[in-house]
Amino acid sequence: MPIIINLDVMLAKRKVKSKDLAVAVGITEQNLSLLKQGKVKGFRLATLEAICKHLDCQPGDILEYTNEE
């Protein structure tokens, strides 16, 4: 998949536990884990907004596009 999700990197930089982020954002830990692994086909912009707000970051800090050939 050409979209890389760097959520685990941002969690480490901010020293935030996945469990705490899941509670703050209002999603299950399992869904957050699937998101971190890139195993989701999509997610709501409201979820991305809540993640960015909690981690004090920009969407580009979490999502990265690579040109796979």
Protein backbone atom coordinates (compact mmCIF):
# COMPACT_ATOMS: atom_id res chain seq x y z
CA MET A 1 0.00 0.00 0.00
CA PRO A 2 1.45 3.37 -0.94
CA ILE A 3 0.11 5.07 2.24
CA ILE A 4 2.29 4.53 5.31
CA ILE A 5 0.82 5.19 8.74
CA ASN A 6 3.41 6.50 11.18
CA LEU A 7 1.11 6.58 14.19
CA ASP A 8 3.40 4.38 16.28
CA VAL A 9 6.26 6.85 15.67
CA MET A 10 4.14 9.79 16.85
CA LEU A 11 3.00 7.85 19.91
CA ALA A 12 6.63 7.19 20.83
CA LYS A 13 7.65 10.82 20.21
CA ARG A 14 4.82 12.10 22.40
CA LYS A 15 5.28 9.31 24.97
CA VAL A 16 1.60 8.41 24.76
CA LYS A 17 0.32 4.87 25.24
CA SER A 18 -1.98 3.37 22.63
CA LYS A 19 -4.56 2.65 25.33
CA ASP A 20 -4.64 6.31 26.39
CA LEU A 21 -4.98 7.52 22.80
CA ALA A 22 -7.80 5.06 22.10
CA VAL A 23 -9.73 6.32 25.12
CA ALA A 24 -9.11 9.98 24.24
CA VAL A 25 -10.17 9.50 20.62
CA GLY A 26 -13.13 7.25 21.38
CA ILE A 27 -12.12 4.12 19.46
CA THR A 28 -11.26 0.64 20.64
CA GLU A 29 -7.69 -0.41 21.25
CA GLN A 30 -8.16 -3.13 18.63
CA ASN A 31 -9.21 -0.60 15.98
CA LEU A 32 -6.29 1.64 16.91
CA SER A 33 -3.96 -1.33 16.57
CA LEU A 34 -5.35 -2.12 13.11
CA LEU A 35 -4.89 1.52 12.13
CA LYS A 36 -1.27 1.52 13.34
CA GLN A 37 -0.59 -1.61 11.28
CA GLY A 38 -2.16 -0.11 8.17
CA LYS A 39 -4.75 -2.88 7.99
CA VAL A 40 -7.73 -0.56 7.56
CA LYS A 41 -9.14 0.57 4.24
CA GLY A 42 -10.24 3.93 5.62
CA PHE A 43 -11.13 5.91 8.69
CA ARG A 44 -13.10 9.01 9.49
CA LEU A 45 -11.56 12.45 9.23
CA ALA A 46 -13.05 13.15 12.67
CA THR A 47 -10.89 10.31 14.02
CA LEU A 48 -7.79 11.74 12.34
CA GLU A 49 -8.66 15.16 13.75
CA ALA A 50 -9.03 13.76 17.28
CA ILE A 51 -5.71 11.89 16.99
CA CYS A 52 -3.92 15.01 15.76
CA LYS A 53 -5.48 17.11 18.51
CA HIS A 54 -4.45 14.66 21.24
CA LEU A 55 -0.92 14.20 19.88
CA ASP A 56 -0.53 17.88 18.94
CA CYS A 57 0.57 17.05 15.39
CA GLN A 58 -0.45 17.47 11.76
CA PRO A 59 -2.02 14.75 9.56
CA GLY A 60 1.21 14.70 7.53
CA ASP A 61 3.07 13.62 10.65
CA ILE A 62 0.93 10.47 10.72
CA LEU A 63 0.25 9.74 7.05
CA GLU A 64 2.94 9.39 4.40
CA TYR A 65 2.61 8.64 0.68
CA THR A 66 5.20 6.56 -1.12
CA ASN A 67 5.30 5.92 -4.84
CA GLU A 68 5.42 2.14 -5.10
CA GLU A 69 6.41 0.90 -8.51
